[in-house]
C-alpha cells in the first residue's frame, strides 16, 4: 500500500489503517496488514486453493489513478498465483454492475471508494458495511453481513455518551478489519486549487469544501 500511495498516487494518498480516515470522530487504528506474500501463499495452501481466477472490475477516471491502482493490485495478487486481471467500463455501467443482489452478481472483486457524509466514523461505516445496506439496498457491495458489527454501529448512532460511542466504533473497526470483506487500501487527498490572494477556504471529510469564509488575504 505504501508503494501504491507513494508511486502510483504521487504521494497524494495515505495508506489505510482502518475502514475510516483519521480525520473523523471515532477513528481507531486497527492496521495496517503486514505485507507478507509468503504468508499469503501459506494461507492459500492451507485452504487448498490453487490456480485461483477472480472476475475483477475497476473504474477508469472516477478516483485518483483508479484503474492503475487496480492493475497494481492485480500484479500483487499474481505474485501469489491469483489471476485477477481487471476490466473496466464507463462509470454508469460500472456502478450498475455493482448494485446487484448477491445471487445476480458475477464479479468476485471490484474497486470502489466512498466518503462519509459527515465527520463521524459511524456515518461512513454504516453506509458501506452495515447489514441493512447490503446491495442492492445500499452501498454494502461486499455483501458484508455481520450482525455483531452492525449492532455496534447502531449503538454508536443511539448512544449520547461520546466515550461510549468511540469505544463501540473502535470495536467495530477492529471487527471489520479482522473479517476483511474489503482490501482497505488508502485515503486519497482532496486538493483544492484557488487563486492567490485568498484565504479562509477549507475542506472536510466527505469531499466537501467551504468557501463561506473566503476573503482576500490579510483582510
C-alpha atoms as a PDB file:
ATOM      1  CA  UNK A   1       0.000   0.000   0.000  1.00  0.00           C
ATOM      2  CA  UNK A   2       2.918   2.346   0.642  1.00  0.00           C
ATOM      3  CA  UNK A   3       4.202   1.745  -2.888  1.00  0.00           C
ATOM      4  CA  UNK A   4       0.751   2.405  -4.347  1.00  0.00           C
ATOM      5  CA  UNK A   5       0.330   5.626  -2.343  1.00  0.00           C
ATOM      6  CA  UNK A   6       3.821   6.958  -2.996  1.00  0.00           C
ATOM      7  CA  UNK A   7       4.452   5.845  -6.575  1.00  0.00           C
ATOM      8  CA  UNK A   8       1.112   5.429  -8.341  1.00  0.00           C
ATOM      9  CA  UNK A   9      -0.685   8.190  -6.445  1.00  0.00           C
ATOM     10  CA  UNK A  10       2.318  10.546  -6.327  1.00  0.00           C
ATOM     11  CA  UNK A  11       2.164  10.781  -2.532  1.00  0.00           C
ATOM     12  CA  UNK A  12      -1.380  12.182  -2.682  1.00  0.00           C
ATOM     13  CA  UNK A  13      -2.833   9.423  -0.504  1.00  0.00           C
ATOM     14  CA  UNK A  14      -2.410   7.859   2.926  1.00  0.00           C
ATOM     15  CA  UNK A  15      -2.341   4.068   3.362  1.00  0.00           C
ATOM     16  CA  UNK A  16      -5.404   2.887   5.266  1.00  0.00           C
ATOM     17  CA  UNK A  17      -5.048   1.801   8.882  1.00  0.00           C
ATOM     18  CA  UNK A  18      -8.810   1.424   9.390  1.00  0.00           C
ATOM     19  CA  UNK A  19     -12.041   1.445   7.399  1.00  0.00           C
ATOM     20  CA  UNK A  20     -12.290   5.210   8.061  1.00  0.00           C
ATOM     21  CA  UNK A  21      -9.737   8.010   7.910  1.00  0.00           C
ATOM     22  CA  UNK A  22      -8.022   9.670  10.819  1.00  0.00           C
ATOM     23  CA  UNK A  23      -9.922  12.947  10.475  1.00  0.00           C
ATOM     24  CA  UNK A  24     -13.342  11.691  11.631  1.00  0.00           C
ATOM     25  CA  UNK A  25     -14.685  11.216  15.138  1.00  0.00           C
ATOM     26  CA  UNK A  26     -14.337   7.638  16.317  1.00  0.00           C
ATOM     27  CA  UNK A  27     -11.318   6.717  14.180  1.00  0.00           C
ATOM     28  CA  UNK A  28      -9.386   3.849  15.727  1.00  0.00           C
ATOM     29  CA  UNK A  29      -6.158   2.454  14.287  1.00  0.00           C
ATOM     30  CA  UNK A  30      -6.648  -1.244  13.593  1.00  0.00           C
ATOM     31  CA  UNK A  31      -3.990  -1.914  10.960  1.00  0.00           C
ATOM     32  CA  UNK A  32      -2.053  -1.984   8.798  1.00  0.00           C
ATOM     33  CA  UNK A  33      -1.933  -5.507   7.468  1.00  0.00           C
ATOM     34  CA  UNK A  34       1.622  -6.772   7.174  1.00  0.00           C
ATOM     35  CA  UNK A  35       2.945  -7.084   3.611  1.00  0.00           C
ATOM     36  CA  UNK A  36       3.877 -10.759   3.622  1.00  0.00           C
ATOM     37  CA  UNK A  37       3.377 -12.626   0.315  1.00  0.00           C
ATOM     38  CA  UNK A  38       4.994 -15.738   1.764  1.00  0.00           C
ATOM     39  CA  UNK A  39       2.356 -15.921   4.482  1.00  0.00           C
ATOM     40  CA  UNK A  40      -0.356 -15.205   1.922  1.00  0.00           C
ATOM     41  CA  UNK A  41       0.855 -18.159  -0.119  1.00  0.00           C
ATOM     42  CA  UNK A  42       0.827 -20.337   3.007  1.00  0.00           C
ATOM     43  CA  UNK A  43      -2.792 -19.378   3.687  1.00  0.00           C
ATOM     44  CA  UNK A  44      -3.784 -20.301   0.142  1.00  0.00           C
ATOM     45  CA  UNK A  45      -2.001 -23.629   0.500  1.00  0.00           C
ATOM     46  CA  UNK A  46      -3.691 -24.298   3.859  1.00  0.00           C
ATOM     47  CA  UNK A  47      -7.061 -23.614   2.218  1.00  0.00           C
ATOM     48  CA  UNK A  48      -6.249 -25.949  -0.654  1.00  0.00           C
ATOM     49  CA  UNK A  49      -6.558 -23.134  -3.199  1.00  0.00           C
ATOM     50  CA  UNK A  50      -4.511 -23.062  -6.381  1.00  0.00           C
ATOM     51  CA  UNK A  51      -4.876 -21.546  -9.852  1.00  0.00           C
ATOM     52  CA  UNK A  52      -7.494 -19.144  -8.478  1.00  0.00           C
ATOM     53  CA  UNK A  53      -9.120 -16.874 -11.076  1.00  0.00           C
ATOM     54  CA  UNK A  54     -11.190 -13.891  -9.972  1.00  0.00           C
ATOM     55  CA  UNK A  55     -13.501 -11.720 -12.058  1.00  0.00           C
ATOM     56  CA  UNK A  56     -12.194  -8.242 -11.157  1.00  0.00           C
ATOM     57  CA  UNK A  57     -13.573  -4.878 -12.321  1.00  0.00           C
ATOM     58  CA  UNK A  58     -12.452  -1.322 -11.648  1.00  0.00           C
ATOM     59  CA  UNK A  59     -13.484   2.155 -12.818  1.00  0.00           C
ATOM     60  CA  UNK A  60     -11.412   4.458 -15.001  1.00  0.00           C
ATOM     61  CA  UNK A  61     -11.262   8.136 -14.097  1.00  0.00           C
ATOM     62  CA  UNK A  62     -13.590   8.185 -11.099  1.00  0.00           C
ATOM     63  CA  UNK A  63     -10.923   8.026  -8.377  1.00  0.00           C
ATOM     64  CA  UNK A  64      -7.295   9.087  -8.465  1.00  0.00           C
ATOM     65  CA  UNK A  65      -5.368   6.649 -10.723  1.00  0.00           C
ATOM     66  CA  UNK A  66      -8.128   4.116 -10.087  1.00  0.00           C
ATOM     67  CA  UNK A  67      -7.521   1.639 -12.910  1.00  0.00           C
ATOM     68  CA  UNK A  68      -3.761   1.890 -12.461  1.00  0.00           C
ATOM     69  CA  UNK A  69      -4.199   1.008  -8.784  1.00  0.00           C
ATOM     70  CA  UNK A  70      -6.371  -1.954  -9.773  1.00  0.00           C
ATOM     71  CA  UNK A  71      -3.621  -3.125 -12.112  1.00  0.00           C
ATOM     72  CA  UNK A  72      -1.106  -2.897  -9.261  1.00  0.00           C
ATOM     73  CA  UNK A  73      -3.394  -4.920  -7.001  1.00  0.00           C
ATOM     74  CA  UNK A  74      -3.703  -7.470  -9.783  1.00  0.00           C
ATOM     75  CA  UNK A  75       0.088  -7.728 -10.071  1.00  0.00           C
ATOM     76  CA  UNK A  76       0.498  -8.240  -6.320  1.00  0.00           C
ATOM     77  CA  UNK A  77      -2.137 -10.972  -6.365  1.00  0.00           C
ATOM     78  CA  UNK A  78      -0.480 -12.526  -9.389  1.00  0.00           C
ATOM     79  CA  UNK A  79       2.735 -12.869  -7.402  1.00  0.00           C
ATOM     80  CA  UNK A  80       0.994 -15.448  -5.206  1.00  0.00           C
ATOM     81  CA  UNK A  81      -0.735 -17.244  -8.057  1.00  0.00           C
ATOM     82  CA  UNK A  82      -4.077 -15.428  -8.121  1.00  0.00           C
ATOM     83  CA  UNK A  83      -5.228 -14.406 -11.595  1.00  0.00           C
ATOM     84  CA  UNK A  84      -7.324 -11.248 -11.242  1.00  0.00           C
ATOM     85  CA  UNK A  85      -6.836  -9.107 -14.339  1.00  0.00           C
ATOM     86  CA  UNK A  86      -9.068  -6.020 -14.016  1.00  0.00           C
ATOM     87  CA  UNK A  87     -11.598  -4.959 -16.621  1.00  0.00           C
ATOM     88  CA  UNK A  88     -13.264  -1.556 -16.875  1.00  0.00           C
ATOM     89  CA  UNK A  89     -16.240   0.256 -18.411  1.00  0.00           C
ATOM     90  CA  UNK A  90     -17.918   3.648 -18.365  1.00  0.00           C
ATOM     91  CA  UNK A  91     -18.782   4.652 -14.815  1.00  0.00           C
ATOM     92  CA  UNK A  92     -22.545   4.385 -15.227  1.00  0.00           C
ATOM     93  CA  UNK A  93     -22.286   0.815 -16.448  1.00  0.00           C
ATOM     94  CA  UNK A  94     -19.687   0.063 -13.806  1.00  0.00           C
ATOM     95  CA  UNK A  95     -21.885   1.222 -10.929  1.00  0.00           C
ATOM     96  CA  UNK A  96     -24.784  -0.723 -12.403  1.00  0.00           C
ATOM     97  CA  UNK A  97     -22.695  -3.890 -12.242  1.00  0.00           C
ATOM     98  CA  UNK A  98     -22.069  -3.409  -8.509  1.00  0.00           C
ATOM     99  CA  UNK A  99     -25.517  -2.773  -7.094  1.00  0.00           C
ATOM    100  CA  UNK A 100     -26.982  -6.199  -7.681  1.00  0.00           C
ATOM    101  CA  UNK A 101     -28.366  -8.802  -5.275  1.00  0.00           C
ATOM    102  CA  UNK A 102     -25.802 -11.481  -4.330  1.00  0.00           C
ATOM    103  CA  UNK A 103     -27.435 -14.163  -6.451  1.00  0.00           C
ATOM    104  CA  UNK A 104     -27.127 -11.973  -9.571  1.00  0.00           C
ATOM    105  CA  UNK A 105     -23.539 -10.840  -9.011  1.00  0.00           C
ATOM    106  CA  UNK A 106     -20.884 -12.182 -11.381  1.00  0.00           C
ATOM    107  CA  UNK A 107     -17.932 -10.162 -10.076  1.00  0.00           C
ATOM    108  CA  UNK A 108     -15.567 -11.608  -7.489  1.00  0.00           C
ATOM    109  CA  UNK A 109     -13.774  -8.323  -6.815  1.00  0.00           C
ATOM    110  CA  UNK A 110     -14.312  -4.677  -7.607  1.00  0.00           C
ATOM    111  CA  UNK A 111     -12.727  -1.363  -6.749  1.00  0.00           C
ATOM    112  CA  UNK A 112     -14.817   1.286  -5.071  1.00  0.00           C
ATOM    113  CA  UNK A 113     -14.346   4.403  -2.968  1.00  0.00           C
ATOM    114  CA  UNK A 114     -16.509   6.305  -0.535  1.00  0.00           C
ATOM    115  CA  UNK A 115     -16.503   9.317   1.732  1.00  0.00           C
ATOM    116  CA  UNK A 116     -18.602   9.771   4.887  1.00  0.00           C
ATOM    117  CA  UNK A 117     -21.371  12.362   4.562  1.00  0.00           C
ATOM    118  CA  UNK A 118     -20.194  13.922   7.841  1.00  0.00           C
ATOM    119  CA  UNK A 119     -17.125  13.918  10.145  1.00  0.00           C
ATOM    120  CA  UNK A 120     -18.249  10.870  12.124  1.00  0.00           C
ATOM    121  CA  UNK A 121     -16.993   7.315  11.627  1.00  0.00           C
ATOM    122  CA  UNK A 122     -20.468   5.869  12.204  1.00  0.00           C
ATOM    123  CA  UNK A 123     -21.800   7.551   9.064  1.00  0.00           C
ATOM    124  CA  UNK A 124     -19.170   6.181   6.718  1.00  0.00           C
ATOM    125  CA  UNK A 125     -19.193   2.738   8.302  1.00  0.00           C
ATOM    126  CA  UNK A 126     -22.972   2.494   8.185  1.00  0.00           C
ATOM    127  CA  UNK A 127     -23.414   3.212   4.509  1.00  0.00           C
ATOM    128  CA  UNK A 128     -20.573   0.988   3.286  1.00  0.00           C
ATOM    129  CA  UNK A 129     -20.835  -2.029   5.596  1.00  0.00           C
ATOM    130  CA  UNK A 130     -23.973  -2.161   7.789  1.00  0.00           C
ATOM    131  CA  UNK A 131     -26.053  -5.261   7.043  1.00  0.00           C
ATOM    132  CA  UNK A 132     -29.112  -3.125   6.314  1.00  0.00           C
ATOM    133  CA  UNK A 133     -27.176  -1.585   3.396  1.00  0.00           C
ATOM    134  CA  UNK A 134     -26.318  -4.788   1.518  1.00  0.00           C
ATOM    135  CA  UNK A 135     -26.707  -4.205  -2.212  1.00  0.00           C
ATOM    136  CA  UNK A 136     -28.994  -3.528  -3.933  1.00  0.00           C
ATOM    137  CA  UNK A 137     -30.427  -1.715  -0.888  1.00  0.00           C
ATOM    138  CA  UNK A 138     -27.300   0.316  -0.260  1.00  0.00           C
ATOM    139  CA  UNK A 139     -23.540   0.709  -0.716  1.00  0.00           C
ATOM    140  CA  UNK A 140     -22.518  -2.522   1.007  1.00  0.00           C
ATOM    141  CA  UNK A 141     -21.335  -4.086  -2.249  1.00  0.00           C
ATOM    142  CA  UNK A 142     -19.146  -6.612  -0.388  1.00  0.00           C
ATOM    143  CA  UNK A 143     -22.356  -8.198   0.959  1.00  0.00           C
ATOM    144  CA  UNK A 144     -20.808  -7.993   4.436  1.00  0.00           C
ATOM    145  CA  UNK A 145     -23.358  -9.390   6.883  1.00  0.00           C
ATOM    146  CA  UNK A 146     -22.108  -9.342  10.478  1.00  0.00           C
ATOM    147  CA  UNK A 147     -24.898  -8.773  12.996  1.00  0.00           C
ATOM    148  CA  UNK A 148     -22.482  -8.018  15.858  1.00  0.00           C
ATOM    149  CA  UNK A 149     -20.720  -5.394  13.762  1.00  0.00           C
ATOM    150  CA  UNK A 150     -23.984  -3.761  12.711  1.00  0.00           C
ATOM    151  CA  UNK A 151     -25.146  -3.716  16.343  1.00  0.00           C
ATOM    152  CA  UNK A 152     -22.035  -1.730  17.285  1.00  0.00           C
ATOM    153  CA  UNK A 153     -22.808   0.812  14.565  1.00  0.00           C
ATOM    154  CA  UNK A 154     -26.391   1.058  15.822  1.00  0.00           C
ATOM    155  CA  UNK A 155     -25.082   1.651  19.349  1.00  0.00           C
ATOM    156  CA  UNK A 156     -22.842   4.440  18.092  1.00  0.00           C
ATOM    157  CA  UNK A 157     -25.854   6.115  16.485  1.00  0.00           C
ATOM    158  CA  UNK A 158     -28.068   5.906  19.558  1.00  0.00           C
ATOM    159  CA  UNK A 159     -25.686   6.451  22.489  1.00  0.00           C
ATOM    160  CA  UNK A 160     -25.284  10.079  23.570  1.00  0.00           C
ATOM    161  CA  UNK A 161     -22.109   9.323  25.558  1.00  0.00           C
ATOM    162  CA  UNK A 162     -19.184  10.289  23.305  1.00  0.00           C
ATOM    163  CA  UNK A 163     -16.732   7.965  25.060  1.00  0.00           C
ATOM    164  CA  UNK A 164     -19.099   5.012  24.749  1.00  0.00           C
ATOM    165  CA  UNK A 165     -19.680   5.877  21.088  1.00  0.00           C
ATOM    166  CA  UNK A 166     -15.932   5.980  20.436  1.00  0.00           C
ATOM    167  CA  UNK A 167     -15.474   2.606  22.135  1.00  0.00           C
ATOM    168  CA  UNK A 168     -18.244   0.988  20.075  1.00  0.00           C
ATOM    169  CA  UNK A 169     -16.816   2.422  16.874  1.00  0.00           C
ATOM    170  CA  UNK A 170     -13.324   1.199  17.743  1.00  0.00           C
ATOM    171  CA  UNK A 171     -14.622  -2.313  18.447  1.00  0.00           C
ATOM    172  CA  UNK A 172     -16.470  -2.272  15.121  1.00  0.00           C
ATOM    173  CA  UNK A 173     -13.401  -1.109  13.208  1.00  0.00           C
ATOM    174  CA  UNK A 174     -11.321  -3.904  14.697  1.00  0.00           C
ATOM    175  CA  UNK A 175     -14.019  -6.432  13.839  1.00  0.00           C
ATOM    176  CA  UNK A 176     -14.313  -5.487  10.170  1.00  0.00           C
ATOM    177  CA  UNK A 177     -10.545  -5.167   9.808  1.00  0.00           C
ATOM    178  CA  UNK A 178     -10.189  -8.748  11.048  1.00  0.00           C
ATOM    179  CA  UNK A 179     -13.035 -10.015   8.842  1.00  0.00           C
ATOM    180  CA  UNK A 180     -11.562  -8.171   5.820  1.00  0.00           C
ATOM    181  CA  UNK A 181     -14.547  -8.072   3.434  1.00  0.00           C
ATOM    182  CA  UNK A 182     -12.646  -5.294   1.664  1.00  0.00           C
ATOM    183  CA  UNK A 183      -8.969  -4.734   0.942  1.00  0.00           C
ATOM    184  CA  UNK A 184      -8.699  -1.372   2.675  1.00  0.00           C
ATOM    185  CA  UNK A 185      -6.132   0.444   0.525  1.00  0.00           C
ATOM    186  CA  UNK A 186      -5.791   4.177   1.033  1.00  0.00           C
ATOM    187  CA  UNK A 187      -7.413   7.552   1.561  1.00  0.00           C
ATOM    188  CA  UNK A 188      -6.703   9.952  -1.270  1.00  0.00           C
ATOM    189  CA  UNK A 189      -6.041  13.618  -0.627  1.00  0.00           C
ATOM    190  CA  UNK A 190      -8.591  16.261  -1.550  1.00  0.00           C
ATOM    191  CA  UNK A 191      -6.618  19.112  -3.105  1.00  0.00           C
ATOM    192  CA  UNK A 192      -8.331  22.463  -3.578  1.00  0.00           C
ATOM    193  CA  UNK A 193      -6.954  24.874  -6.180  1.00  0.00           C
ATOM    194  CA  UNK A 194      -7.762  28.569  -5.947  1.00  0.00           C
ATOM    195  CA  UNK A 195      -6.094  31.776  -6.989  1.00  0.00           C
ATOM    196  CA  UNK A 196      -3.509  33.574  -4.926  1.00  0.00           C
ATOM    197  CA  UNK A 197      -4.664  36.388  -2.706  1.00  0.00           C
ATOM    198  CA  UNK A 198      -7.417  34.368  -0.995  1.00  0.00           C
ATOM    199  CA  UNK A 199      -7.634  32.744   2.415  1.00  0.00           C
ATOM    200  CA  UNK A 200     -10.298  31.082   4.562  1.00  0.00           C
ATOM    201  CA  UNK A 201     -11.111  28.256   2.137  1.00  0.00           C
ATOM    202  CA  UNK A 202     -11.230  24.934   3.948  1.00  0.00           C
ATOM    203  CA  UNK A 203     -12.398  21.369   3.377  1.00  0.00           C
ATOM    204  CA  UNK A 204     -13.686  18.484   5.447  1.00  0.00           C
ATOM    205  CA  UNK A 205     -14.270  14.774   5.122  1.00  0.00           C
ATOM    206  CA  UNK A 206     -16.911  13.838   2.612  1.00  0.00           C
ATOM    207  CA  UNK A 207     -15.372  15.612  -0.384  1.00  0.00           C
ATOM    208  CA  UNK A 208     -16.873  18.945   0.656  1.00  0.00           C
ATOM    209  CA  UNK A 209     -15.160  22.310   0.619  1.00  0.00           C
ATOM    210  CA  UNK A 210     -16.214  25.509   2.324  1.00  0.00           C
ATOM    211  CA  UNK A 211     -15.837  28.965   0.817  1.00  0.00           C
ATOM    212  CA  UNK A 212     -18.282  30.745   3.137  1.00  0.00           C
ATOM    213  CA  UNK A 213     -15.422  32.492   4.925  1.00  0.00           C
ATOM    214  CA  UNK A 214     -13.283  33.107   1.857  1.00  0.00           C
ATOM    215  CA  UNK A 215     -11.737  36.560   1.871  1.00  0.00           C
ATOM    216  CA  UNK A 216      -8.784  38.473   0.424  1.00  0.00           C
ATOM    217  CA  UNK A 217      -5.562  37.583   2.169  1.00  0.00           C
ATOM    218  CA  UNK A 218      -4.726  39.879   5.058  1.00  0.00           C
ATOM    219  CA  UNK A 219      -8.200  41.379   5.283  1.00  0.00           C
END
